[in-house]
Each structure stands twice: as C-alpha cells, then as structure tokens.
PDB file of N, CA and C in Angstrom:
ATOM      1  N   MET A   1      51.175  83.261 -90.132  1.00  0.00           N
ATOM      2  CA  MET A   1      51.573  84.413 -89.154  1.00  0.00           C
ATOM      3  C   MET A   1      52.516  84.163 -88.230  1.00  0.00           C
ATOM      4  N   LYS A   2      52.705  82.830 -87.661  1.00  0.00           N
ATOM      5  CA  LYS A   2      53.959  82.597 -86.772  1.00  0.00           C
ATOM      6  C   LYS A   2      54.713  82.036 -87.179  1.00  0.00           C
ATOM      7  N   LEU A   3      54.733  81.628 -88.741  1.00  0.00           N
ATOM      8  CA  LEU A   3      55.865  81.088 -89.613  1.00  0.00           C
ATOM      9  C   LEU A   3      56.476  82.718 -89.596  1.00  0.00           C
ATOM     10  N   LYS A   4      56.174  83.626 -90.274  1.00  0.00           N
ATOM     11  CA  LYS A   4      56.598  84.672 -90.752  1.00  0.00           C
ATOM     12  C   LYS A   4      57.139  85.259 -89.349  1.00  0.00           C
ATOM     13  N   LEU A   5      56.902  85.729 -88.298  1.00  0.00           N
ATOM     14  CA  LEU A   5      57.299  86.048 -87.046  1.00  0.00           C
ATOM     15  C   LEU A   5      58.832  85.306 -86.695  1.00  0.00           C
ATOM     16  N   GLU A   6      58.613  83.981 -86.295  1.00  0.00           N
ATOM     17  CA  GLU A   6      60.066  83.258 -86.637  1.00  0.00           C
ATOM     18  C   GLU A   6      60.797  83.529 -87.281  1.00  0.00           C
ATOM     19  N   ASP A   7      60.155  83.567 -88.312  1.00  0.00           N
ATOM     20  CA  ASP A   7      61.354  83.817 -89.291  1.00  0.00           C
ATOM     21  C   ASP A   7      62.115  85.014 -89.354  1.00  0.00           C
ATOM     22  N   ILE A   8      61.339  85.958 -89.285  1.00  0.00           N
ATOM     23  CA  ILE A   8      61.768  87.105 -88.782  1.00  0.00           C
ATOM     24  C   ILE A   8      62.598  87.467 -87.699  1.00  0.00           C
ATOM     25  N   LEU A   9      62.485  86.509 -86.824  1.00  0.00           N
ATOM     26  CA  LEU A   9      63.513  86.402 -85.343  1.00  0.00           C
ATOM     27  C   LEU A   9      64.648  86.004 -85.875  1.00  0.00           C
ATOM     28  N   TYR A  10      64.201  84.547 -86.350  1.00  0.00           N
ATOM     29  CA  TYR A  10      65.861  84.253 -86.503  1.00  0.00           C
ATOM     30  C   TYR A  10      66.278  84.167 -88.085  1.00  0.00           C
ATOM     31  N   ARG A  11      66.367  85.229 -88.580  1.00  0.00           N
ATOM     32  CA  ARG A  11      66.981  86.066 -89.844  1.00  0.00           C
ATOM     33  C   ARG A  11      67.168  87.375 -88.797  1.00  0.00           C
ATOM     34  N   GLY A  12      66.828  88.034 -87.403  1.00  0.00           N
ATOM     35  CA  GLY A  12      67.590  88.709 -86.623  1.00  0.00           C
ATOM     36  C   GLY A  12      68.573  88.279 -86.350  1.00  0.00           C
ATOM     37  N   LEU A  13      68.332  87.048 -85.712  1.00  0.00           N
ATOM     38  CA  LEU A  13      69.347  86.750 -84.765  1.00  0.00           C
ATOM     39  C   LEU A  13      70.731  85.947 -86.092  1.00  0.00           C
ATOM     40  N   GLY A  14      70.581  85.475 -87.144  1.00  0.00           N
ATOM     41  CA  GLY A  14      71.325  85.399 -87.911  1.00  0.00           C
ATOM     42  C   GLY A  14      72.356  86.633 -88.333  1.00  0.00           C
ATOM     43  N   SER A  15      71.548  87.691 -88.555  1.00  0.00           N
ATOM     44  CA  SER A  15      72.484  88.918 -89.111  1.00  0.00           C
ATOM     45  C   SER A  15      73.183  89.081 -87.709  1.00  0.00           C
ATOM     46  N   LEU A  16      72.744  89.054 -86.505  1.00  0.00           N
ATOM     47  CA  LEU A  16      73.543  89.356 -85.199  1.00  0.00           C
ATOM     48  C   LEU A  16      74.488  88.600 -84.707  1.00  0.00           C
ATOM     49  N   ASP A  17      74.356  87.524 -85.542  1.00  0.00           N
ATOM     50  CA  ASP A  17      75.753  86.216 -85.173  1.00  0.00           C
ATOM     51  C   ASP A  17      76.805  86.865 -86.404  1.00  0.00           C
ATOM     52  N   LEU A  18      76.591  87.296 -87.673  1.00  0.00           N
ATOM     53  CA  LEU A  18      77.296  87.543 -88.539  1.00  0.00           C
ATOM     54  C   LEU A  18      78.122  88.839 -88.188  1.00  0.00           C
ATOM     55  N   THR A  19      76.970  89.763 -87.475  1.00  0.00           N
ATOM     56  CA  THR A  19      77.741  90.746 -87.537  1.00  0.00           C
ATOM     57  C   THR A  19      78.736  90.867 -86.214  1.00  0.00           C
ATOM     58  N   VAL A  20      78.618  89.993 -85.315  1.00  0.00           N
ATOM     59  CA  VAL A  20      79.649  89.534 -84.162  1.00  0.00           C
ATOM     60  C   VAL A  20      80.916  89.132 -84.498  1.00  0.00           C
ATOM     61  N   GLU A  21      80.845  87.876 -85.529  1.00  0.00           N
ATOM     62  CA  GLU A  21      81.358  87.554 -86.726  1.00  0.00           C
ATOM     63  C   GLU A  21      82.642  88.554 -86.897  1.00  0.00           C
ATOM     64  N   LYS A  22      81.652  89.295 -87.365  1.00  0.00           N
ATOM     65  CA  LYS A  22      82.250  90.437 -88.870  1.00  0.00           C
ATOM     66  C   LYS A  22      83.578  91.317 -87.756  1.00  0.00           C
ATOM     67  N   LEU A  23      82.810  91.804 -86.641  1.00  0.00           N
ATOM     68  CA  LEU A  23      83.887  92.759 -85.867  1.00  0.00           C
ATOM     69  C   LEU A  23      84.474  91.695 -85.181  1.00  0.00           C
ATOM     70  N   GLU A  24      84.588  90.692 -84.682  1.00  0.00           N
ATOM     71  CA  GLU A  24      85.565  90.055 -84.271  1.00  0.00           C
ATOM     72  C   GLU A  24      86.988  89.803 -85.486  1.00  0.00           C
ATOM     73  N   GLU A  25      86.366  89.405 -86.484  1.00  0.00           N
ATOM     74  CA  GLU A  25      87.052  89.305 -87.628  1.00  0.00           C
ATOM     75  C   GLU A  25      88.218  90.742 -87.673  1.00  0.00           C
ATOM     76  N   VAL A  26      87.344  92.030 -87.712  1.00  0.00           N
ATOM     77  CA  VAL A  26      87.934  92.985 -87.765  1.00  0.00           C
ATOM     78  C   VAL A  26      88.716  93.390 -86.771  1.00  0.00           C
ATOM     79  N   ILE A  27      88.410  93.267 -85.576  1.00  0.00           N
ATOM     80  CA  ILE A  27      89.149  93.428 -84.189  1.00  0.00           C
ATOM     81  C   ILE A  27      90.555  92.558 -84.358  1.00  0.00           C
ATOM     82  N   SER A  28      90.478  91.441 -84.711  1.00  0.00           N
ATOM     83  CA  SER A  28      91.582  90.307 -84.731  1.00  0.00           C
ATOM     84  C   SER A  28      92.666  90.963 -86.008  1.00  0.00           C
ATOM     85  N   THR A  29      92.136  91.582 -87.075  1.00  0.00           N
ATOM     86  CA  THR A  29      93.072  92.055 -87.958  1.00  0.00           C
ATOM     87  C   THR A  29      93.505  93.481 -87.539  1.00  0.00           C
ATOM     88  N   LEU A  30      92.714  94.212 -86.957  1.00  0.00           N
ATOM     89  CA  LEU A  30      93.938  95.005 -86.278  1.00  0.00           C
ATOM     90  C   LEU A  30      94.671  94.957 -85.135  1.00  0.00           C
ATOM     91  N   VAL A  31      94.122  93.603 -84.385  1.00  0.00           N
ATOM     92  CA  VAL A  31      95.039  93.504 -83.622  1.00  0.00           C
ATOM     93  C   VAL A  31      96.773  92.780 -84.244  1.00  0.00           C
ATOM     94  N   LYS A  32      96.031  91.809 -85.163  1.00  0.00           N
ATOM     95  CA  LYS A  32      97.842  91.260 -85.889  1.00  0.00           C
ATOM     96  C   LYS A  32      98.466  92.790 -86.330  1.00  0.00           C
ATOM     97  N   GLU A  33      97.893  93.693 -87.011  1.00  0.00           N
ATOM     98  CA  GLU A  33      98.358  94.746 -87.888  1.00  0.00           C
ATOM     99  C   GLU A  33      99.032  96.018 -86.915  1.00  0.00           C
ATOM    100  N   GLY A  34      98.927  95.270 -85.518  1.00  0.00           N
ATOM    101  CA  GLY A  34      99.240  96.312 -84.508  1.00  0.00           C
ATOM    102  C   GLY A  34      98.494  97.747 -84.002  1.00  0.00           C
ATOM    103  N   ASP A  35      97.639  97.447 -84.213  1.00  0.00           N
ATOM    104  CA  ASP A  35      96.680  99.199 -84.509  1.00  0.00           C
ATOM    105  C   ASP A  35      95.744  99.018 -83.083  1.00  0.00           C
ATOM    106  N   LEU A  36      95.822  97.712 -82.727  1.00  0.00           N
ATOM    107  CA  LEU A  36      95.285  97.542 -81.185  1.00  0.00           C
ATOM    108  C   LEU A  36      96.088  96.828 -80.377  1.00  0.00           C
ATOM    109  N   THR A  37      95.981  96.735 -79.238  1.00  0.00           N
ATOM    110  CA  THR A  37      96.417  95.820 -78.168  1.00  0.00           C
ATOM    111  C   THR A  37      95.771  94.470 -78.655  1.00  0.00           C
ATOM    112  N   ARG A  38      95.915  93.253 -77.823  1.00  0.00           N
ATOM    113  CA  ARG A  38      95.108  92.511 -77.687  1.00  0.00           C
ATOM    114  C   ARG A  38      93.887  92.655 -76.441  1.00  0.00           C
ATOM    115  N   LYS A  39      94.741  93.471 -75.648  1.00  0.00           N
ATOM    116  CA  LYS A  39      93.434  93.641 -74.003  1.00  0.00           C
ATOM    117  C   LYS A  39      92.770  94.864 -74.929  1.00  0.00           C
ATOM    118  N   GLN A  40      92.911  95.526 -75.654  1.00  0.00           N
ATOM    119  CA  GLN A  40      92.135  96.650 -76.313  1.00  0.00           C
ATOM    120  C   GLN A  40      90.784  95.865 -77.175  1.00  0.00           C
ATOM    121  N   GLY A  41      91.739  95.098 -77.763  1.00  0.00           N
ATOM    122  CA  GLY A  41      90.709  94.021 -78.871  1.00  0.00           C
ATOM    123  C   GLY A  41      89.506  93.454 -78.051  1.00  0.00           C
ATOM    124  N   GLU A  42      89.604  92.719 -77.126  1.00  0.00           N
ATOM    125  CA  GLU A  42      88.802  92.292 -75.722  1.00  0.00           C
ATOM    126  C   GLU A  42      87.935  93.315 -75.633  1.00  0.00           C
ATOM    127  N   GLU A  43      88.375  93.983 -75.051  1.00  0.00           N
ATOM    128  CA  GLU A  43      87.901  94.969 -74.648  1.00  0.00           C
ATOM    129  C   GLU A  43      86.829  95.854 -75.338  1.00  0.00           C
ATOM    130  N   LEU A  44      86.666  96.198 -76.835  1.00  0.00           N
ATOM    131  CA  LEU A  44      86.242  96.491 -77.586  1.00  0.00           C
ATOM    132  C   LEU A  44      85.020  95.364 -77.592  1.00  0.00           C
ATOM    133  N   VAL A  45      85.434  93.971 -78.007  1.00  0.00           N
ATOM    134  CA  VAL A  45      84.453  92.958 -78.059  1.00  0.00           C
ATOM    135  C   VAL A  45      83.615  93.073 -77.072  1.00  0.00           C
ATOM    136  N   LYS A  46      84.109  93.228 -75.568  1.00  0.00           N
ATOM    137  CA  LYS A  46      83.284  93.009 -74.423  1.00  0.00           C
ATOM    138  C   LYS A  46      82.125  94.128 -74.706  1.00  0.00           C
ATOM    139  N   LYS A  47      82.750  95.451 -74.788  1.00  0.00           N
ATOM    140  CA  LYS A  47      82.221  96.815 -74.819  1.00  0.00           C
ATOM    141  C   LYS A  47      80.455  96.052 -75.919  1.00  0.00           C
ATOM    142  N   TRP A  48      80.869  96.018 -77.353  1.00  0.00           N
ATOM    143  CA  TRP A  48      79.878  95.748 -78.597  1.00  0.00           C
ATOM    144  C   TRP A  48      78.751  94.678 -77.936  1.00  0.00           C
ATOM    145  N   GLN A  49      79.272  93.797 -77.142  1.00  0.00           N
ATOM    146  CA  GLN A  49      79.017  92.368 -76.968  1.00  0.00           C
ATOM    147  C   GLN A  49      77.941  92.951 -75.765  1.00  0.00           C
ATOM    148  N   GLN A  50      77.999  94.012 -74.975  1.00  0.00           N
ATOM    149  CA  GLN A  50      77.387  94.487 -73.545  1.00  0.00           C
ATOM    150  C   GLN A  50      76.542  95.386 -74.272  1.00  0.00           C
ATOM    151  N   ARG A  51      76.529  95.773 -75.487  1.00  0.00           N
ATOM    152  CA  ARG A  51      75.588  96.935 -76.296  1.00  0.00           C
ATOM    153  C   ARG A  51      74.698  96.143 -76.571  1.00  0.00           C
ATOM    154  N   GLY A  52      74.978  95.074 -77.625  1.00  0.00           N
ATOM    155  CA  GLY A  52      74.196  93.999 -77.949  1.00  0.00           C
ATOM    156  C   GLY A  52      73.398  93.181 -77.039  1.00  0.00           C
ATOM    157  N   ASP A  53      73.699  92.928 -76.109  1.00  0.00           N
ATOM    158  CA  ASP A  53      72.446  92.655 -75.232  1.00  0.00           C
ATOM    159  C   ASP A  53      71.727  93.560 -74.661  1.00  0.00           C
ATOM    160  N   GLU A  54      72.012  94.829 -74.497  1.00  0.00           N
ATOM    161  CA  GLU A  54      71.227  95.612 -74.313  1.00  0.00           C
ATOM    162  C   GLU A  54      70.181  96.162 -75.148  1.00  0.00           C
ATOM    163  N   LYS A  55      70.543  95.972 -76.356  1.00  0.00           N
ATOM    164  CA  LYS A  55      69.457  95.776 -77.160  1.00  0.00           C
ATOM    165  C   LYS A  55      68.484  95.357 -77.460  1.00  0.00           C
ATOM    166  N   LYS A  56      68.999  93.749 -77.429  1.00  0.00           N
ATOM    167  CA  LYS A  56      68.312  92.660 -77.551  1.00  0.00           C
ATOM    168  C   LYS A  56      67.480  92.186 -76.616  1.00  0.00           C
ATOM    169  N   ASP A  57      67.830  93.222 -75.248  1.00  0.00           N
ATOM    170  CA  ASP A  57      66.755  93.081 -74.181  1.00  0.00           C
ATOM    171  C   ASP A  57      65.490  94.004 -74.242  1.00  0.00           C
ATOM    172  N   GLU A  58      65.953  95.078 -75.209  1.00  0.00           N
ATOM    173  CA  GLU A  58      64.581  96.314 -75.556  1.00  0.00           C
ATOM    174  C   GLU A  58      64.188  95.292 -76.990  1.00  0.00           C
ATOM    175  N   ILE A  59      64.619  95.038 -77.679  1.00  0.00           N
ATOM    176  CA  ILE A  59      63.801  94.534 -78.720  1.00  0.00           C
ATOM    177  C   ILE A  59      63.075  93.117 -78.343  1.00  0.00           C
ATOM    178  N   GLU A  60      63.602  92.597 -77.228  1.00  0.00           N
ATOM    179  CA  GLU A  60      62.552  90.861 -77.011  1.00  0.00           C
ATOM    180  C   GLU A  60      61.110  91.864 -76.297  1.00  0.00           C
ATOM    181  N   LYS A  61      61.184  93.162 -75.574  1.00  0.00           N
ATOM    182  CA  LYS A  61      59.933  93.893 -74.748  1.00  0.00           C
ATOM    183  C   LYS A  61      59.528  94.530 -75.550  1.00  0.00           C
ATOM    184  N   VAL A  62      59.568  95.029 -76.934  1.00  0.00           N
ATOM    185  CA  VAL A  62      59.109  95.640 -78.029  1.00  0.00           C
ATOM    186  C   VAL A  62      57.974  94.567 -78.863  1.00  0.00           C
ATOM    187  N   ILE A  63      58.860  92.546 -78.784  1.00  0.00           N
ATOM    188  CA  ILE A  63      58.513  92.076 -79.151  1.00  0.00           C
ATOM    189  C   ILE A  63      57.199  91.456 -78.768  1.00  0.00           C
ATOM    190  N   GLU A  64      57.481  91.494 -77.258  1.00  0.00           N
ATOM    191  CA  GLU A  64      56.526  91.000 -76.541  1.00  0.00           C
ATOM    192  C   GLU A  64      55.401  91.634 -76.388  1.00  0.00           C
ATOM    193  N   LYS A  65      55.282  92.947 -76.048  1.00  0.00           N
ATOM    194  CA  LYS A  65      54.404  93.928 -76.189  1.00  0.00           C
ATOM    195  C   LYS A  65      53.513  93.664 -77.897  1.00  0.00           C
ATOM    196  N   LYS A  66      54.137  93.719 -78.749  1.00  0.00           N
ATOM    197  CA  LYS A  66      53.623  93.522 -80.339  1.00  0.00           C
ATOM    198  C   LYS A  66      52.826  92.656 -79.688  1.00  0.00           C
ATOM    199  N   LEU A  67      53.455  91.436 -79.563  1.00  0.00           N
ATOM    200  CA  LEU A  67      52.816  90.130 -79.398  1.00  0.00           C
ATOM    201  C   LEU A  67      51.556  89.890 -78.677  1.00  0.00           C
ATOM    202  N   LYS A  68      51.758  90.600 -77.458  1.00  0.00           N
ATOM    203  CA  LYS A  68      50.386  90.672 -76.426  1.00  0.00           C
ATOM    204  C   LYS A  68      49.594  91.286 -77.484  1.00  0.00           C
ATOM    205  N   ASP A  69      49.475  92.492 -77.916  1.00  0.00           N
ATOM    206  CA  ASP A  69      48.466  93.476 -78.497  1.00  0.00           C
ATOM    207  C   ASP A  69      48.308  92.455 -79.880  1.00  0.00           C
ATOM    208  N   LEU A  70      48.713  91.751 -80.551  1.00  0.00           N
ATOM    209  CA  LEU A  70      48.287  91.059 -81.408  1.00  0.00           C
ATOM    210  C   LEU A  70      47.018  89.822 -80.802  1.00  0.00           C
ATOM    211  N   GLY A  71      47.077  89.593 -79.260  1.00  0.00           N
ATOM    212  CA  GLY A  71      46.455  88.744 -78.815  1.00  0.00           C
ATOM    213  C   GLY A  71      47.172  87.318 -78.638  1.00  0.00           C
ATOM    214  N   PHE A  72      48.806  87.345 -78.825  1.00  0.00           N
ATOM    215  CA  PHE A  72      48.941  85.843 -78.482  1.00  0.00           C
ATOM    216  C   PHE A  72      49.178  86.130 -76.734  1.00  0.00           C
ATOM    217  N   SER A  73      49.427  84.962 -75.890  1.00  0.00           N
ATOM    218  CA  SER A  73      49.300  84.619 -74.826  1.00  0.00           C
ATOM    219  C   SER A  73      50.826  84.535 -74.538  1.00  0.00           C
ATOM    220  N   SER A  74      51.458  84.793 -73.350  1.00  0.00           N
ATOM    221  CA  SER A  74      53.039  85.065 -72.869  1.00  0.00           C
ATOM    222  C   SER A  74      53.028  83.469 -72.472  1.00  0.00           C
ATOM    223  N   SER A  75      54.222  82.796 -72.407  1.00  0.00           N
ATOM    224  CA  SER A  75      54.408  81.785 -71.800  1.00  0.00           C
ATOM    225  C   SER A  75      54.019  81.604 -70.054  1.00  0.00           C
ATOM    226  N   GLU A  76      54.298  82.530 -69.316  1.00  0.00           N
ATOM    227  CA  GLU A  76      53.448  83.119 -68.394  1.00  0.00           C
ATOM    228  C   GLU A  76      51.865  82.445 -67.964  1.00  0.00           C
ATOM    229  N   ASP A  77      51.392  83.257 -69.327  1.00  0.00           N
ATOM    230  CA  ASP A  77      49.680  83.411 -69.102  1.00  0.00           C
ATOM    231  C   ASP A  77      49.534  81.592 -69.585  1.00  0.00           C
ATOM    232  N   VAL A  78      50.539  80.841 -70.594  1.00  0.00           N
ATOM    233  CA  VAL A  78      50.070  79.528 -70.684  1.00  0.00           C
ATOM    234  C   VAL A  78      50.234  78.471 -69.194  1.00  0.00           C
ATOM    235  N   GLU A  79      51.346  79.250 -68.862  1.00  0.00           N
ATOM    236  CA  GLU A  79      51.817  78.252 -67.240  1.00  0.00           C
ATOM    237  C   GLU A  79      50.541  78.444 -66.242  1.00  0.00           C
ATOM    238  N   ASN A  80      49.900  79.780 -65.990  1.00  0.00           N
ATOM    239  CA  ASN A  80      49.077  79.530 -65.262  1.00  0.00           C
ATOM    240  C   ASN A  80      48.142  79.319 -65.644  1.00  0.00           C
ATOM    241  N   ILE A  81      47.616  79.112 -66.877  1.00  0.00           N
ATOM    242  CA  ILE A  81      46.112  78.259 -67.610  1.00  0.00           C
ATOM    243  C   ILE A  81      46.541  76.795 -67.431  1.00  0.00           C
ATOM    244  N   THR A  82      47.322  76.455 -67.369  1.00  0.00           N
ATOM    245  CA  THR A  82      47.785  75.043 -67.146  1.00  0.00           C
ATOM    246  C   THR A  82      47.669  74.851 -66.052  1.00  0.00           C
ATOM    247  N   SER A  83      48.163  75.378 -64.886  1.00  0.00           N
ATOM    248  CA  SER A  83      47.670  74.954 -63.741  1.00  0.00           C
ATOM    249  C   SER A  83      46.821  74.829 -63.422  1.00  0.00           C
ATOM    250  N   ARG A  84      46.110  75.937 -63.577  1.00  0.00           N
ATOM    251  CA  ARG A  84      44.461  76.065 -63.417  1.00  0.00           C
ATOM    252  C   ARG A  84      43.602  75.132 -64.135  1.00  0.00           C
ATOM    253  N   VAL A  85      44.001  74.624 -64.890  1.00  0.00           N
ATOM    254  CA  VAL A  85      43.231  73.359 -65.645  1.00  0.00           C
ATOM    255  C   VAL A  85      43.434  72.024 -64.981  1.00  0.00           C
ATOM    256  N   SER A  86      44.701  71.961 -64.396  1.00  0.00           N
ATOM    257  CA  SER A  86      45.450  70.453 -64.135  1.00  0.00           C
ATOM    258  C   SER A  86      44.942  70.810 -62.436  1.00  0.00           C
ATOM    259  N   ALA A  87      44.637  71.997 -61.590  1.00  0.00           N
ATOM    260  CA  ALA A  87      43.655  71.615 -60.504  1.00  0.00           C
ATOM    261  C   ALA A  87      42.314  71.312 -60.713  1.00  0.00           C
ATOM    262  N   MET A  88      41.735  72.241 -61.673  1.00  0.00           N
ATOM    263  CA  MET A  88      39.927  71.523 -61.592  1.00  0.00           C
ATOM    264  C   MET A  88      40.177  70.246 -62.626  1.00  0.00           C
ATOM    265  N   GLU A  89      40.987  69.494 -63.060  1.00  0.00           N
ATOM    266  CA  GLU A  89      41.066  68.205 -63.050  1.00  0.00           C
ATOM    267  C   GLU A  89      41.296  67.203 -62.194  1.00  0.00           C
ATOM    268  N   LYS A  90      42.080  67.645 -60.991  1.00  0.00           N
ATOM    269  CA  LYS A  90      42.076  66.981 -60.079  1.00  0.00           C
ATOM    270  C   LYS A  90      40.792  66.811 -59.085  1.00  0.00           C
ATOM    271  N   GLU A  91      39.891  68.340 -59.030  1.00  0.00           N
ATOM    272  CA  GLU A  91      38.665  68.361 -58.478  1.00  0.00           C
ATOM    273  C   GLU A  91      37.769  67.573 -59.159  1.00  0.00           C
ATOM    274  N   VAL A  92      37.837  67.640 -60.286  1.00  0.00           N
ATOM    275  CA  VAL A  92      36.793  66.590 -60.901  1.00  0.00           C
ATOM    276  C   VAL A  92      37.015  65.228 -60.787  1.00  0.00           C
ATOM    277  N   ASP A  93      37.951  64.829 -60.591  1.00  0.00           N
ATOM    278  CA  ASP A  93      38.536  63.580 -60.373  1.00  0.00           C
ATOM    279  C   ASP A  93      38.053  62.935 -58.901  1.00  0.00           C
ATOM    280  N   ARG A  94      38.545  64.365 -58.072  1.00  0.00           N
ATOM    281  CA  ARG A  94      38.093  63.815 -56.542  1.00  0.00           C
ATOM    282  C   ARG A  94      36.581  63.606 -56.537  1.00  0.00           C
ATOM    283  N   LEU A  95      35.744  64.815 -57.032  1.00  0.00           N
ATOM    284  CA  LEU A  95      34.090  64.939 -57.120  1.00  0.00           C
ATOM    285  C   LEU A  95      33.884  63.290 -57.624  1.00  0.00           C
ATOM    286  N   LYS A  96      34.401  62.809 -58.702  1.00  0.00           N
ATOM    287  CA  LYS A  96      33.757  61.497 -59.064  1.00  0.00           C
ATOM    288  C   LYS A  96      33.980  60.599 -58.148  1.00  0.00           C
ATOM    289  N   GLU A  97      34.751  60.810 -57.446  1.00  0.00           N
ATOM    290  CA  GLU A  97      35.307  59.627 -56.464  1.00  0.00           C
ATOM    291  C   GLU A  97      34.269  59.713 -55.571  1.00  0.00           C
ATOM    292  N   VAL A  98      33.903  60.849 -55.008  1.00  0.00           N
ATOM    293  CA  VAL A  98      32.820  61.085 -54.328  1.00  0.00           C
ATOM    294  C   VAL A  98      31.270  60.444 -54.454  1.00  0.00           C
ATOM    295  N   CYS A  99      31.040  60.468 -55.605  1.00  0.00           N
ATOM    296  CA  CYS A  99      29.979  60.331 -56.440  1.00  0.00           C
ATOM    297  C   CYS A  99      30.122  58.710 -56.079  1.00  0.00           C
ATOM    298  N   SER A 100      31.039  58.074 -56.430  1.00  0.00           N
ATOM    299  CA  SER A 100      30.970  57.022 -57.175  1.00  0.00           C
ATOM    300  C   SER A 100      31.022  56.243 -55.425  1.00  0.00           C
ATOM    301  N   GLU A 101      31.213  56.963 -54.442  1.00  0.00           N
ATOM    302  CA  GLU A 101      31.288  56.422 -53.289  1.00  0.00           C
ATOM    303  C   GLU A 101      29.793  56.727 -52.661  1.00  0.00           C
ATOM    304  N   ASN A 102      29.175  57.224 -52.751  1.00  0.00           N
ATOM    305  CA  ASN A 102      27.847  57.669 -52.235  1.00  0.00           C
ATOM    306  C   ASN A 102      27.076  58.184 -53.527  1.00  0.00           C
ATOM    307  N   PRO A 103      26.899  56.675 -54.014  1.00  0.00           N
ATOM    308  CA  PRO A 103      25.839  57.133 -55.122  1.00  0.00           C
ATOM    309  C   PRO A 103      24.486  57.693 -54.951  1.00  0.00           C
ATOM    310  N   GLU A 104      23.534  58.217 -55.243  1.00  0.00           N
ATOM    311  CA  GLU A 104      22.140  58.820 -54.979  1.00  0.00           C
ATOM    312  C   GLU A 104      21.102  58.059 -56.043  1.00  0.00           C
ATOM    313  N   ASP A 105      20.371  57.302 -55.462  1.00  0.00           N
ATOM    314  CA  ASP A 105      19.623  56.275 -56.026  1.00  0.00           C
ATOM    315  C   ASP A 105      18.608  57.470 -56.709  1.00  0.00           C
TER     316      ASP A 105
END
C-alpha cells in the first residue's frame, strides 16, 4: 500500500511540475509576442504559484487525514514514541546499574 501511495504522490508532483513548466512556456511566448509585458508575465506566474502553494497545503492536509484514518502514524507520533523509548532505555540502564551496585543475595 505504501508504494502505491508514494507512486500517486510522486505522479501528482510530477504533473504539477509539468504544469508549471508549461505555464512558464506559455507566458514566455505571450511576452515574446507582445501580448504581455515581462512584469505582467512575472505577476501571473507568481499568482499561479501562490494558488498552487495553497492547493498543495490543502492536499497535504487531506492526505494527512486519510493516512491517519488508515492507521498510519504521523512523523510527530513517531518522534514522540522514539523519545519515550529513549527515556525508558535510559531508566532501564540506570536501574541495572543500581541493581549491580546493590545486589540482593
């Protein structure tokens, strides 16, 4: 399942890159033909990039929710668990040391 999700995400990002490249080509052509000024072209690219960023954020939120619904842990969850395990390991090591210093016969 993980490979399928990654594949879908990478394909989506790839098509987004192609869309941005195509948009830049079209705008560049319009500027060359005099239909847009260079400044207008730059503003249009910025506007579309901003919209893309907003949509990307929305998509990421939806994906995070779906992954959580499917039972996947977030990176924050994994970090918290890792920290707790590390703290427990330190405590176990400390207790081992205490026990070895004061063995009960």
